[in-house]
Amino acid sequence: MVAALLWGIPGVMITIKGIKAYTLMPVDELWWLLLITAAVLTGFILMFRRIVARYCGLIAAEPDQTTVWHTFPLRGWILIVCMSCLGIALKFMPFIPAEFTASFYSGLGPALVIAACLFIKRI
């Protein structure tokens, strides 16, 4: 459940930001932005599916009484910290176009939510 929360909560927040950015886009640009979003979503789902399977195996090997820090290996925590820092940095970069935010966040957010659902499914 900890793993699902650590992936699902940011996923929902990122999805909301992506959808809000989509509302600022002109209608004539939506078709290619949706294609980019679909590509981003597909890529992240394929990547996260493997990561979830690996982490679930590691979590299952832990004893029943363990700490939150054993939810992921060190590489997993580094990945979470780096992705969080990158997301925060992107927020404060004025030169990032709204098209990027709309298409990237709308692909990444749902992929994180799907990964959270995969963690829950394996409970």
PDB file of N, CA and C in Angstrom:
ATOM      1  N   MET A   1       0.819  -1.202   0.000  1.00  0.00           N
ATOM      2  CA  MET A   1       0.000   0.000   0.000  1.00  0.00           C
ATOM      3  C   MET A   1       0.852   1.251   0.000  1.00  0.00           C
ATOM      4  N   VAL A   2       1.994   1.208   0.718  1.00  0.00           N
ATOM      5  CA  VAL A   2       2.890   2.370   0.755  1.00  0.00           C
ATOM      6  C   VAL A   2       3.379   2.681  -0.653  1.00  0.00           C
ATOM      7  N   ALA A   3       3.773   1.658  -1.381  1.00  0.00           N
ATOM      8  CA  ALA A   3       4.252   1.855  -2.750  1.00  0.00           C
ATOM      9  C   ALA A   3       3.149   2.448  -3.626  1.00  0.00           C
ATOM     10  N   ALA A   4       1.931   1.954  -3.471  1.00  0.00           N
ATOM     11  CA  ALA A   4       0.816   2.476  -4.267  1.00  0.00           C
ATOM     12  C   ALA A   4       0.562   3.944  -3.955  1.00  0.00           C
ATOM     13  N   LEU A   5       0.641   4.312  -2.692  1.00  0.00           N
ATOM     14  CA  LEU A   5       0.433   5.716  -2.315  1.00  0.00           C
ATOM     15  C   LEU A   5       1.558   6.608  -2.836  1.00  0.00           C
ATOM     16  N   LEU A   6       2.798   6.116  -2.758  1.00  0.00           N
ATOM     17  CA  LEU A   6       3.938   6.916  -3.217  1.00  0.00           C
ATOM     18  C   LEU A   6       3.934   7.140  -4.723  1.00  0.00           C
ATOM     19  N   TRP A   7       3.260   6.293  -5.455  1.00  0.00           N
ATOM     20  CA  TRP A   7       3.156   6.466  -6.906  1.00  0.00           C
ATOM     21  C   TRP A   7       1.816   7.079  -7.296  1.00  0.00           C
ATOM     22  N   GLY A   8       0.754   6.739  -6.586  1.00  0.00           N
ATOM     23  CA  GLY A   8      -0.581   7.182  -6.972  1.00  0.00           C
ATOM     24  C   GLY A   8      -0.880   8.639  -6.670  1.00  0.00           C
ATOM     25  N   ILE A   9      -0.479   9.111  -5.502  1.00  0.00           N
ATOM     26  CA  ILE A   9      -0.767  10.500  -5.134  1.00  0.00           C
ATOM     27  C   ILE A   9      -0.093  11.483  -6.094  1.00  0.00           C
ATOM     28  N   PRO A  10       1.227  11.335  -6.358  1.00  0.00           N
ATOM     29  CA  PRO A  10       1.818  12.237  -7.353  1.00  0.00           C
ATOM     30  C   PRO A  10       1.194  12.054  -8.740  1.00  0.00           C
ATOM     31  N   GLY A  11       0.783  10.833  -9.052  1.00  0.00           N
ATOM     32  CA  GLY A  11       0.153  10.585 -10.342  1.00  0.00           C
ATOM     33  C   GLY A  11      -1.117  11.389 -10.524  1.00  0.00           C
ATOM     34  N   VAL A  12      -1.940  11.443  -9.489  1.00  0.00           N
ATOM     35  CA  VAL A  12      -3.181  12.215  -9.562  1.00  0.00           C
ATOM     36  C   VAL A  12      -2.859  13.704  -9.676  1.00  0.00           C
ATOM     37  N   MET A  13      -1.894  14.179  -8.892  1.00  0.00           N
ATOM     38  CA  MET A  13      -1.529  15.599  -8.928  1.00  0.00           C
ATOM     39  C   MET A  13      -0.983  15.995 -10.303  1.00  0.00           C
ATOM     40  N   ILE A  14      -0.143  15.151 -10.881  1.00  0.00           N
ATOM     41  CA  ILE A  14       0.440  15.434 -12.198  1.00  0.00           C
ATOM     42  C   ILE A  14      -0.631  15.386 -13.278  1.00  0.00           C
ATOM     43  N   THR A  15      -1.545  14.438 -13.179  1.00  0.00           N
ATOM     44  CA  THR A  15      -2.641  14.344 -14.151  1.00  0.00           C
ATOM     45  C   THR A  15      -3.488  15.609 -14.140  1.00  0.00           C
ATOM     46  N   ILE A  16      -3.792  16.114 -12.969  1.00  0.00           N
ATOM     47  CA  ILE A  16      -4.590  17.343 -12.852  1.00  0.00           C
ATOM     48  C   ILE A  16      -3.855  18.515 -13.509  1.00  0.00           C
ATOM     49  N   LYS A  17      -2.551  18.617 -13.270  1.00  0.00           N
ATOM     50  CA  LYS A  17      -1.771  19.693 -13.895  1.00  0.00           C
ATOM     51  C   LYS A  17      -1.774  19.561 -15.412  1.00  0.00           C
ATOM     52  N   GLY A  18      -1.663  18.344 -15.903  1.00  0.00           N
ATOM     53  CA  GLY A  18      -1.672  18.120 -17.345  1.00  0.00           C
ATOM     54  C   GLY A  18      -3.004  18.487 -17.974  1.00  0.00           C
ATOM     55  N   ILE A  19      -4.083  18.110 -17.316  1.00  0.00           N
ATOM     56  CA  ILE A  19      -5.415  18.427 -17.839  1.00  0.00           C
ATOM     57  C   ILE A  19      -5.648  19.936 -17.818  1.00  0.00           C
ATOM     58  N   LYS A  20      -5.209  20.606 -16.748  1.00  0.00           N
ATOM     59  CA  LYS A  20      -5.341  22.065 -16.690  1.00  0.00           C
ATOM     60  C   LYS A  20      -4.557  22.721 -17.827  1.00  0.00           C
ATOM     61  N   ALA A  21      -3.373  22.197 -18.126  1.00  0.00           N
ATOM     62  CA  ALA A  21      -2.578  22.753 -19.222  1.00  0.00           C
ATOM     63  C   ALA A  21      -3.273  22.517 -20.562  1.00  0.00           C
ATOM     64  N   TYR A  22      -3.949  21.385 -20.703  1.00  0.00           N
ATOM     65  CA  TYR A  22      -4.696  21.099 -21.939  1.00  0.00           C
ATOM     66  C   TYR A  22      -5.815  22.116 -22.170  1.00  0.00           C
ATOM     67  N   THR A  23      -6.399  22.625 -21.106  1.00  0.00           N
ATOM     68  CA  THR A  23      -7.496  23.582 -21.274  1.00  0.00           C
ATOM     69  C   THR A  23      -7.018  24.904 -21.868  1.00  0.00           C
ATOM     70  N   LEU A  24      -5.707  25.156 -21.823  1.00  0.00           N
ATOM     71  CA  LEU A  24      -5.150  26.390 -22.381  1.00  0.00           C
ATOM     72  C   LEU A  24      -4.760  26.248 -23.848  1.00  0.00           C
ATOM     73  N   MET A  25      -4.835  25.030 -24.378  1.00  0.00           N
ATOM     74  CA  MET A  25      -4.390  24.774 -25.751  1.00  0.00           C
ATOM     75  C   MET A  25      -5.472  25.133 -26.767  1.00  0.00           C
ATOM     76  N   PRO A  26      -5.046  25.677 -27.920  1.00  0.00           N
ATOM     77  CA  PRO A  26      -6.015  25.888 -29.005  1.00  0.00           C
ATOM     78  C   PRO A  26      -6.516  24.543 -29.537  1.00  0.00           C
ATOM     79  N   VAL A  27      -7.756  24.503 -29.945  1.00  0.00           N
ATOM     80  CA  VAL A  27      -8.386  23.256 -30.382  1.00  0.00           C
ATOM     81  C   VAL A  27      -7.658  22.655 -31.585  1.00  0.00           C
ATOM     82  N   ASP A  28      -7.122  23.477 -32.477  1.00  0.00           N
ATOM     83  CA  ASP A  28      -6.465  22.941 -33.673  1.00  0.00           C
ATOM     84  C   ASP A  28      -5.142  22.241 -33.365  1.00  0.00           C
ATOM     85  N   GLU A  29      -4.575  22.417 -32.173  1.00  0.00           N
ATOM     86  CA  GLU A  29      -3.334  21.746 -31.781  1.00  0.00           C
ATOM     87  C   GLU A  29      -3.576  20.460 -31.002  1.00  0.00           C
ATOM     88  N   LEU A  30      -4.799  20.196 -30.631  1.00  0.00           N
ATOM     89  CA  LEU A  30      -5.065  19.072 -29.740  1.00  0.00           C
ATOM     90  C   LEU A  30      -4.724  17.724 -30.339  1.00  0.00           C
ATOM     91  N   TRP A  31      -4.915  17.509 -31.626  1.00  0.00           N
ATOM     92  CA  TRP A  31      -4.708  16.181 -32.208  1.00  0.00           C
ATOM     93  C   TRP A  31      -3.267  15.719 -32.055  1.00  0.00           C
ATOM     94  N   TRP A  32      -2.301  16.584 -32.306  1.00  0.00           N
ATOM     95  CA  TRP A  32      -0.906  16.133 -32.193  1.00  0.00           C
ATOM     96  C   TRP A  32      -0.452  16.092 -30.742  1.00  0.00           C
ATOM     97  N   LEU A  33      -1.013  16.935 -29.893  1.00  0.00           N
ATOM     98  CA  LEU A  33      -0.688  16.850 -28.470  1.00  0.00           C
ATOM     99  C   LEU A  33      -1.224  15.558 -27.866  1.00  0.00           C
ATOM    100  N   LEU A  34      -2.404  15.134 -28.309  1.00  0.00           N
ATOM    101  CA  LEU A  34      -2.954  13.865 -27.833  1.00  0.00           C
ATOM    102  C   LEU A  34      -2.118  12.682 -28.306  1.00  0.00           C
ATOM    103  N   LEU A  35      -1.553  12.772 -29.503  1.00  0.00           N
ATOM    104  CA  LEU A  35      -0.649  11.712 -29.983  1.00  0.00           C
ATOM    105  C   LEU A  35       0.606  11.642 -29.121  1.00  0.00           C
ATOM    106  N   ILE A  36       1.151  12.800 -28.776  1.00  0.00           N
ATOM    107  CA  ILE A  36       2.337  12.832 -27.907  1.00  0.00           C
ATOM    108  C   ILE A  36       1.987  12.275 -26.535  1.00  0.00           C
ATOM    109  N   THR A  37       0.830  12.660 -26.010  1.00  0.00           N
ATOM    110  CA  THR A  37       0.392  12.142 -24.714  1.00  0.00           C
ATOM    111  C   THR A  37       0.259  10.624 -24.750  1.00  0.00           C
ATOM    112  N   ALA A  38      -0.303  10.091 -25.818  1.00  0.00           N
ATOM    113  CA  ALA A  38      -0.452   8.634 -25.946  1.00  0.00           C
ATOM    114  C   ALA A  38       0.907   7.952 -25.988  1.00  0.00           C
ATOM    115  N   ALA A  39       1.866   8.547 -26.682  1.00  0.00           N
ATOM    116  CA  ALA A  39       3.216   7.970 -26.747  1.00  0.00           C
ATOM    117  C   ALA A  39       3.892   8.011 -25.376  1.00  0.00           C
ATOM    118  N   VAL A  40       3.764   9.137 -24.677  1.00  0.00           N
ATOM    119  CA  VAL A  40       4.351   9.264 -23.338  1.00  0.00           C
ATOM    120  C   VAL A  40       3.713   8.253 -22.392  1.00  0.00           C
ATOM    121  N   LEU A  41       2.384   8.156 -22.427  1.00  0.00           N
ATOM    122  CA  LEU A  41       1.664   7.220 -21.569  1.00  0.00           C
ATOM    123  C   LEU A  41       2.108   5.786 -21.833  1.00  0.00           C
ATOM    124  N   THR A  42       2.186   5.409 -23.096  1.00  0.00           N
ATOM    125  CA  THR A  42       2.592   4.046 -23.457  1.00  0.00           C
ATOM    126  C   THR A  42       4.013   3.753 -22.975  1.00  0.00           C
ATOM    127  N   GLY A  43       4.917   4.694 -23.213  1.00  0.00           N
ATOM    128  CA  GLY A  43       6.305   4.493 -22.790  1.00  0.00           C
ATOM    129  C   GLY A  43       6.444   4.325 -21.292  1.00  0.00           C
ATOM    130  N   PHE A  44       5.774   5.190 -20.541  1.00  0.00           N
ATOM    131  CA  PHE A  44       5.865   5.096 -19.083  1.00  0.00           C
ATOM    132  C   PHE A  44       5.168   3.851 -18.545  1.00  0.00           C
ATOM    133  N   ILE A  45       4.045   3.454 -19.141  1.00  0.00           N
ATOM    134  CA  ILE A  45       3.378   2.225 -18.670  1.00  0.00           C
ATOM    135  C   ILE A  45       4.296   1.027 -18.868  1.00  0.00           C
ATOM    136  N   LEU A  46       4.940   0.935 -20.022  1.00  0.00           N
ATOM    137  CA  LEU A  46       5.851  -0.189 -20.274  1.00  0.00           C
ATOM    138  C   LEU A  46       7.011  -0.183 -19.282  1.00  0.00           C
ATOM    139  N   MET A  47       7.540   0.991 -18.985  1.00  0.00           N
ATOM    140  CA  MET A  47       8.647   1.095 -18.044  1.00  0.00           C
ATOM    141  C   MET A  47       8.179   0.792 -16.616  1.00  0.00           C
ATOM    142  N   PHE A  48       7.068   1.398 -16.206  1.00  0.00           N
ATOM    143  CA  PHE A  48       6.600   1.232 -14.836  1.00  0.00           C
ATOM    144  C   PHE A  48       6.117  -0.185 -14.562  1.00  0.00           C
ATOM    145  N   ARG A  49       5.595  -0.866 -15.575  1.00  0.00           N
ATOM    146  CA  ARG A  49       5.131  -2.241 -15.383  1.00  0.00           C
ATOM    147  C   ARG A  49       6.284  -3.141 -14.928  1.00  0.00           C
ATOM    148  N   ARG A  50       7.430  -2.970 -15.556  1.00  0.00           N
ATOM    149  CA  ARG A  50       8.608  -3.764 -15.156  1.00  0.00           C
ATOM    150  C   ARG A  50       9.094  -3.373 -13.762  1.00  0.00           C
ATOM    151  N   ILE A  51       9.088  -2.076 -13.483  1.00  0.00           N
ATOM    152  CA  ILE A  51       9.544  -1.606 -12.177  1.00  0.00           C
ATOM    153  C   ILE A  51       8.626  -2.131 -11.074  1.00  0.00           C
ATOM    154  N   VAL A  52       7.318  -2.073 -11.284  1.00  0.00           N
ATOM    155  CA  VAL A  52       6.360  -2.560 -10.287  1.00  0.00           C
ATOM    156  C   VAL A  52       6.576  -4.047 -10.033  1.00  0.00           C
ATOM    157  N   ALA A  53       6.770  -4.821 -11.075  1.00  0.00           N
ATOM    158  CA  ALA A  53       6.990  -6.264 -10.901  1.00  0.00           C
ATOM    159  C   ALA A  53       8.253  -6.521 -10.076  1.00  0.00           C
ATOM    160  N   ARG A  54       9.309  -5.782 -10.384  1.00  0.00           N
ATOM    161  CA  ARG A  54      10.575  -5.961  -9.652  1.00  0.00           C
ATOM    162  C   ARG A  54      10.402  -5.560  -8.189  1.00  0.00           C
ATOM    163  N   TYR A  55       9.770  -4.407  -7.933  1.00  0.00           N
ATOM    164  CA  TYR A  55       9.605  -3.929  -6.565  1.00  0.00           C
ATOM    165  C   TYR A  55       8.663  -4.825  -5.766  1.00  0.00           C
ATOM    166  N   CYS A  56       7.640  -5.343  -6.405  1.00  0.00           N
ATOM    167  CA  CYS A  56       6.731  -6.250  -5.701  1.00  0.00           C
ATOM    168  C   CYS A  56       7.454  -7.513  -5.259  1.00  0.00           C
ATOM    169  N   GLY A  57       8.365  -7.998  -6.102  1.00  0.00           N
ATOM    170  CA  GLY A  57       9.173  -9.153  -5.716  1.00  0.00           C
ATOM    171  C   GLY A  57      10.058  -8.845  -4.521  1.00  0.00           C
ATOM    172  N   LEU A  58      10.648  -7.659  -4.503  1.00  0.00           N
ATOM    173  CA  LEU A  58      11.493  -7.264  -3.378  1.00  0.00           C
ATOM    174  C   LEU A  58      10.671  -7.067  -2.107  1.00  0.00           C
ATOM    175  N   ILE A  59       9.504  -6.461  -2.249  1.00  0.00           N
ATOM    176  CA  ILE A  59       8.646  -6.239  -1.089  1.00  0.00           C
ATOM    177  C   ILE A  59       8.153  -7.573  -0.530  1.00  0.00           C
ATOM    178  N   ALA A  60       7.805  -8.513  -1.399  1.00  0.00           N
ATOM    179  CA  ALA A  60       7.325  -9.828  -0.950  1.00  0.00           C
ATOM    180  C   ALA A  60       8.407 -10.600  -0.208  1.00  0.00           C
ATOM    181  N   ALA A  61       9.664 -10.337  -0.530  1.00  0.00           N
ATOM    182  CA  ALA A  61      10.768 -11.039   0.129  1.00  0.00           C
ATOM    183  C   ALA A  61      11.069 -10.476   1.517  1.00  0.00           C
ATOM    184  N   GLU A  62      10.521  -9.313   1.835  1.00  0.00           N
ATOM    185  CA  GLU A  62      10.747  -8.701   3.145  1.00  0.00           C
ATOM    186  C   GLU A  62       9.901  -9.410   4.204  1.00  0.00           C
ATOM    187  N   PRO A  63      10.355  -9.385   5.446  1.00  0.00           N
ATOM    188  CA  PRO A  63       9.517  -9.951   6.514  1.00  0.00           C
ATOM    189  C   PRO A  63       8.248  -9.117   6.696  1.00  0.00           C
ATOM    190  N   ASP A  64       7.261  -9.698   7.376  1.00  0.00           N
ATOM    191  CA  ASP A  64       5.988  -8.998   7.570  1.00  0.00           C
ATOM    192  C   ASP A  64       6.161  -7.682   8.324  1.00  0.00           C
ATOM    193  N   GLN A  65       7.003  -7.662   9.305  1.00  0.00           N
ATOM    194  CA  GLN A  65       7.255  -6.443  10.073  1.00  0.00           C
ATOM    195  C   GLN A  65       8.526  -5.786   9.543  1.00  0.00           C
ATOM    196  N   THR A  66       8.338  -4.743   8.767  1.00  0.00           N
ATOM    197  CA  THR A  66       9.487  -4.048   8.200  1.00  0.00           C
ATOM    198  C   THR A  66       9.191  -2.552   8.180  1.00  0.00           C
ATOM    199  N   THR A  67      10.146  -1.757   7.787  1.00  0.00           N
ATOM    200  CA  THR A  67       9.959  -0.312   7.765  1.00  0.00           C
ATOM    201  C   THR A  67       9.553   0.160   6.369  1.00  0.00           C
ATOM    202  N   VAL A  68       9.086   1.384   6.311  1.00  0.00           N
ATOM    203  CA  VAL A  68       8.705   1.986   5.036  1.00  0.00           C
ATOM    204  C   VAL A  68       9.914   2.064   4.102  1.00  0.00           C
ATOM    205  N   TRP A  69      11.091   2.228   4.656  1.00  0.00           N
ATOM    206  CA  TRP A  69      12.302   2.385   3.839  1.00  0.00           C
ATOM    207  C   TRP A  69      12.630   1.125   3.059  1.00  0.00           C
ATOM    208  N   HIS A  70      12.072  -0.013   3.465  1.00  0.00           N
ATOM    209  CA  HIS A  70      12.299  -1.258   2.749  1.00  0.00           C
ATOM    210  C   HIS A  70      11.285  -1.481   1.627  1.00  0.00           C
ATOM    211  N   THR A  71      10.410  -0.490   1.406  1.00  0.00           N
ATOM    212  CA  THR A  71       9.431  -0.603   0.332  1.00  0.00           C
ATOM    213  C   THR A  71      10.122  -0.668  -1.020  1.00  0.00           C
ATOM    214  N   PHE A  72      11.163   0.147  -1.183  1.00  0.00           N
ATOM    215  CA  PHE A  72      11.930   0.185  -2.428  1.00  0.00           C
ATOM    216  C   PHE A  72      13.404   0.018  -2.111  1.00  0.00           C
ATOM    217  N   PRO A  73      14.180  -0.470  -3.070  1.00  0.00           N
ATOM    218  CA  PRO A  73      15.631  -0.478  -2.883  1.00  0.00           C
ATOM    219  C   PRO A  73      16.148   0.959  -2.989  1.00  0.00           C
ATOM    220  N   LEU A  74      17.406   1.160  -2.693  1.00  0.00           N
ATOM    221  CA  LEU A  74      17.998   2.497  -2.738  1.00  0.00           C
ATOM    222  C   LEU A  74      17.793   3.143  -4.109  1.00  0.00           C
ATOM    223  N   ARG A  75      17.954   2.372  -5.176  1.00  0.00           N
ATOM    224  CA  ARG A  75      17.733   2.911  -6.530  1.00  0.00           C
ATOM    225  C   ARG A  75      16.318   3.440  -6.707  1.00  0.00           C
ATOM    226  N   GLY A  76      15.349   2.776  -6.117  1.00  0.00           N
ATOM    227  CA  GLY A  76      13.963   3.215  -6.212  1.00  0.00           C
ATOM    228  C   GLY A  76      13.734   4.541  -5.504  1.00  0.00           C
ATOM    229  N   TRP A  77      14.319   4.685  -4.317  1.00  0.00           N
ATOM    230  CA  TRP A  77      14.182   5.948  -3.596  1.00  0.00           C
ATOM    231  C   TRP A  77      14.883   7.077  -4.350  1.00  0.00           C
ATOM    232  N   ILE A  78      16.034   6.774  -4.944  1.00  0.00           N
ATOM    233  CA  ILE A  78      16.742   7.781  -5.738  1.00  0.00           C
ATOM    234  C   ILE A  78      15.892   8.194  -6.932  1.00  0.00           C
ATOM    235  N   LEU A  79      15.234   7.232  -7.574  1.00  0.00           N
ATOM    236  CA  LEU A  79      14.347   7.528  -8.701  1.00  0.00           C
ATOM    237  C   LEU A  79      13.207   8.445  -8.264  1.00  0.00           C
ATOM    238  N   ILE A  80      12.584   8.156  -7.138  1.00  0.00           N
ATOM    239  CA  ILE A  80      11.481   8.969  -6.638  1.00  0.00           C
ATOM    240  C   ILE A  80      11.962  10.382  -6.323  1.00  0.00           C
ATOM    241  N   VAL A  81      13.091  10.521  -5.662  1.00  0.00           N
ATOM    242  CA  VAL A  81      13.617  11.840  -5.311  1.00  0.00           C
ATOM    243  C   VAL A  81      13.975  12.626  -6.568  1.00  0.00           C
ATOM    244  N   CYS A  82      14.635  11.976  -7.530  1.00  0.00           N
ATOM    245  CA  CYS A  82      15.024  12.668  -8.770  1.00  0.00           C
ATOM    246  C   CYS A  82      13.803  13.109  -9.571  1.00  0.00           C
ATOM    247  N   MET A  83      12.810  12.245  -9.683  1.00  0.00           N
ATOM    248  CA  MET A  83      11.600  12.612 -10.419  1.00  0.00           C
ATOM    249  C   MET A  83      10.855  13.742  -9.718  1.00  0.00           C
ATOM    250  N   SER A  84      10.815  13.727  -8.398  1.00  0.00           N
ATOM    251  CA  SER A  84      10.164  14.804  -7.653  1.00  0.00           C
ATOM    252  C   SER A  84      10.907  16.119  -7.843  1.00  0.00           C
ATOM    253  N   CYS A  85      12.226  16.076  -7.743  1.00  0.00           N
ATOM    254  CA  CYS A  85      13.027  17.293  -7.934  1.00  0.00           C
ATOM    255  C   CYS A  85      12.893  17.828  -9.360  1.00  0.00           C
ATOM    256  N   LEU A  86      12.862  16.944 -10.333  1.00  0.00           N
ATOM    257  CA  LEU A  86      12.683  17.369 -11.722  1.00  0.00           C
ATOM    258  C   LEU A  86      11.316  18.017 -11.913  1.00  0.00           C
ATOM    259  N   GLY A  87      10.288  17.440 -11.334  1.00  0.00           N
ATOM    260  CA  GLY A  87       8.952  18.013 -11.427  1.00  0.00           C
ATOM    261  C   GLY A  87       8.867  19.384 -10.791  1.00  0.00           C
ATOM    262  N   ILE A  88       9.504  19.554  -9.638  1.00  0.00           N
ATOM    263  CA  ILE A  88       9.517  20.851  -8.974  1.00  0.00           C
ATOM    264  C   ILE A  88      10.309  21.857  -9.801  1.00  0.00           C
ATOM    265  N   ALA A  89      11.433  21.427 -10.353  1.00  0.00           N
ATOM    266  CA  ALA A  89      12.253  22.324 -11.178  1.00  0.00           C
ATOM    267  C   ALA A  89      11.491  22.760 -12.430  1.00  0.00           C
ATOM    268  N   LEU A  90      10.781  21.830 -13.073  1.00  0.00           N
ATOM    269  CA  LEU A  90      10.004  22.171 -14.272  1.00  0.00           C
ATOM    270  C   LEU A  90       8.934  23.214 -13.973  1.00  0.00           C
ATOM    271  N   LYS A  91       8.394  23.163 -12.777  1.00  0.00           N
ATOM    272  CA  LYS A  91       7.349  24.109 -12.396  1.00  0.00           C
ATOM    273  C   LYS A  91       7.873  25.542 -12.395  1.00  0.00           C
ATOM    274  N   PHE A  92       9.129  25.724 -12.040  1.00  0.00           N
ATOM    275  CA  PHE A  92       9.689  27.065 -11.909  1.00  0.00           C
ATOM    276  C   PHE A  92      10.486  27.520 -13.122  1.00  0.00           C
ATOM    277  N   MET A  93      10.485  26.743 -14.197  1.00  0.00           N
ATOM    278  CA  MET A  93      11.185  27.129 -15.421  1.00  0.00           C
ATOM    279  C   MET A  93      10.204  27.823 -16.358  1.00  0.00           C
ATOM    280  N   PRO A  94      10.386  29.132 -16.563  1.00  0.00           N
ATOM    281  CA  PRO A  94       9.405  29.880 -17.364  1.00  0.00           C
ATOM    282  C   PRO A  94       9.444  29.544 -18.860  1.00  0.00           C
ATOM    283  N   PHE A  95      10.526  28.948 -19.329  1.00  0.00           N
ATOM    284  CA  PHE A  95      10.656  28.675 -20.756  1.00  0.00           C
ATOM    285  C   PHE A  95      10.050  27.341 -21.182  1.00  0.00           C
ATOM    286  N   ILE A  96       9.472  26.593 -20.255  1.00  0.00           N
ATOM    287  CA  ILE A  96       8.828  25.330 -20.590  1.00  0.00           C
ATOM    288  C   ILE A  96       7.458  25.649 -21.208  1.00  0.00           C
ATOM    289  N   PRO A  97       7.237  25.260 -22.460  1.00  0.00           N
ATOM    290  CA  PRO A  97       5.954  25.598 -23.098  1.00  0.00           C
ATOM    291  C   PRO A  97       4.787  24.810 -22.508  1.00  0.00           C
ATOM    292  N   ALA A  98       3.619  25.410 -22.575  1.00  0.00           N
ATOM    293  CA  ALA A  98       2.404  24.767 -22.058  1.00  0.00           C
ATOM    294  C   ALA A  98       2.107  23.476 -22.810  1.00  0.00           C
ATOM    295  N   GLU A  99       2.493  23.404 -24.097  1.00  0.00           N
ATOM    296  CA  GLU A  99       2.278  22.179 -24.873  1.00  0.00           C
ATOM    297  C   GLU A  99       3.032  21.004 -24.256  1.00  0.00           C
ATOM    298  N   PHE A 100       4.260  21.267 -23.780  1.00  0.00           N
ATOM    299  CA  PHE A 100       5.033  20.214 -23.130  1.00  0.00           C
ATOM    300  C   PHE A 100       4.339  19.770 -21.854  1.00  0.00           C
ATOM    301  N   THR A 101       3.945  20.736 -21.040  1.00  0.00           N
ATOM    302  CA  THR A 101       3.284  20.406 -19.787  1.00  0.00           C
ATOM    303  C   THR A 101       2.023  19.591 -20.036  1.00  0.00           C
ATOM    304  N   ALA A 102       1.234  20.018 -20.999  1.00  0.00           N
ATOM    305  CA  ALA A 102      -0.024  19.319 -21.283  1.00  0.00           C
ATOM    306  C   ALA A 102       0.222  17.886 -21.728  1.00  0.00           C
ATOM    307  N   SER A 103       1.093  17.705 -22.708  1.00  0.00           N
ATOM    308  CA  SER A 103       1.277  16.365 -23.269  1.00  0.00           C
ATOM    309  C   SER A 103       2.087  15.457 -22.351  1.00  0.00           C
ATOM    310  N   PHE A 104       3.134  15.972 -21.738  1.00  0.00           N
ATOM    311  CA  PHE A 104       3.984  15.134 -20.890  1.00  0.00           C
ATOM    312  C   PHE A 104       3.278  14.761 -19.590  1.00  0.00           C
ATOM    313  N   TYR A 105       2.723  15.758 -18.901  1.00  0.00           N
ATOM    314  CA  TYR A 105       2.061  15.486 -17.627  1.00  0.00           C
ATOM    315  C   TYR A 105       0.816  14.625 -17.807  1.00  0.00           C
ATOM    316  N   SER A 106       0.090  14.825 -18.909  1.00  0.00           N
ATOM    317  CA  SER A 106      -1.108  14.022 -19.149  1.00  0.00           C
ATOM    318  C   SER A 106      -0.765  12.583 -19.506  1.00  0.00           C
ATOM    319  N   GLY A 107       0.473  12.308 -19.881  1.00  0.00           N
ATOM    320  CA  GLY A 107       0.925  10.938 -20.103  1.00  0.00           C
ATOM    321  C   GLY A 107       1.539  10.332 -18.854  1.00  0.00           C
ATOM    322  N   LEU A 108       2.378  11.113 -18.168  1.00  0.00           N
ATOM    323  CA  LEU A 108       3.068  10.618 -16.975  1.00  0.00           C
ATOM    324  C   LEU A 108       2.107  10.365 -15.815  1.00  0.00           C
ATOM    325  N   GLY A 109       1.199  11.302 -15.561  1.00  0.00           N
ATOM    326  CA  GLY A 109       0.287  11.174 -14.414  1.00  0.00           C
ATOM    327  C   GLY A 109      -0.542   9.899 -14.442  1.00  0.00           C
ATOM    328  N   PRO A 110      -1.273   9.647 -15.527  1.00  0.00           N
ATOM    329  CA  PRO A 110      -2.052   8.401 -15.573  1.00  0.00           C
ATOM    330  C   PRO A 110      -1.171   7.149 -15.506  1.00  0.00           C
ATOM    331  N   ALA A 111       0.034   7.218 -16.047  1.00  0.00           N
ATOM    332  CA  ALA A 111       0.942   6.061 -15.960  1.00  0.00           C
ATOM    333  C   ALA A 111       1.307   5.779 -14.506  1.00  0.00           C
ATOM    334  N   LEU A 112       1.528   6.824 -13.724  1.00  0.00           N
ATOM    335  CA  LEU A 112       1.812   6.643 -12.299  1.00  0.00           C
ATOM    336  C   LEU A 112       0.601   6.069 -11.561  1.00  0.00           C
ATOM    337  N   VAL A 113      -0.581   6.529 -11.914  1.00  0.00           N
ATOM    338  CA  VAL A 113      -1.803   6.008 -11.293  1.00  0.00           C
ATOM    339  C   VAL A 113      -1.991   4.530 -11.654  1.00  0.00           C
ATOM    340  N   ILE A 114      -1.729   4.181 -12.896  1.00  0.00           N
ATOM    341  CA  ILE A 114      -1.822   2.783 -13.316  1.00  0.00           C
ATOM    342  C   ILE A 114      -0.807   1.932 -12.563  1.00  0.00           C
ATOM    343  N   ALA A 115       0.405   2.462 -12.383  1.00  0.00           N
ATOM    344  CA  ALA A 115       1.419   1.733 -11.610  1.00  0.00           C
ATOM    345  C   ALA A 115       0.948   1.524 -10.175  1.00  0.00           C
ATOM    346  N   ALA A 116       0.331   2.548  -9.588  1.00  0.00           N
ATOM    347  CA  ALA A 116      -0.208   2.407  -8.231  1.00  0.00           C
ATOM    348  C   ALA A 116      -1.268   1.310  -8.184  1.00  0.00           C
ATOM    349  N   CYS A 117      -2.116   1.270  -9.200  1.00  0.00           N
ATOM    350  CA  CYS A 117      -3.134   0.220  -9.281  1.00  0.00           C
ATOM    351  C   CYS A 117      -2.492  -1.168  -9.406  1.00  0.00           C
ATOM    352  N   LEU A 118      -1.388  -1.253 -10.130  1.00  0.00           N
ATOM    353  CA  LEU A 118      -0.676  -2.539 -10.245  1.00  0.00           C
ATOM    354  C   LEU A 118      -0.105  -2.968  -8.899  1.00  0.00           C
ATOM    355  N   PHE A 119       0.385  -2.003  -8.110  1.00  0.00           N
ATOM    356  CA  PHE A 119       0.852  -2.341  -6.759  1.00  0.00           C
ATOM    357  C   PHE A 119      -0.308  -2.870  -5.928  1.00  0.00           C
ATOM    358  N   ILE A 120      -1.460  -2.217  -6.011  1.00  0.00           N
ATOM    359  CA  ILE A 120      -2.632  -2.644  -5.229  1.00  0.00           C
ATOM    360  C   ILE A 120      -3.097  -4.019  -5.686  1.00  0.00           C
ATOM    361  N   LYS A 121      -3.071  -4.249  -6.993  1.00  0.00           N
ATOM    362  CA  LYS A 121      -3.518  -5.536  -7.537  1.00  0.00           C
ATOM    363  C   LYS A 121      -2.663  -6.689  -7.002  1.00  0.00           C
ATOM    364  N   ARG A 122      -1.406  -6.441  -6.732  1.00  0.00           N
ATOM    365  CA  ARG A 122      -0.510  -7.512  -6.276  1.00  0.00           C
ATOM    366  C   ARG A 122      -0.544  -7.737  -4.776  1.00  0.00           C
ATOM    367  N   ILE A 123      -1.377  -6.993  -4.064  1.00  0.00           N
ATOM    368  CA  ILE A 123      -1.455  -7.182  -2.594  1.00  0.00           C
ATOM    369  C   ILE A 123      -2.067  -8.541  -2.306  1.00  0.00           C
TER     370      ILE A 123
END
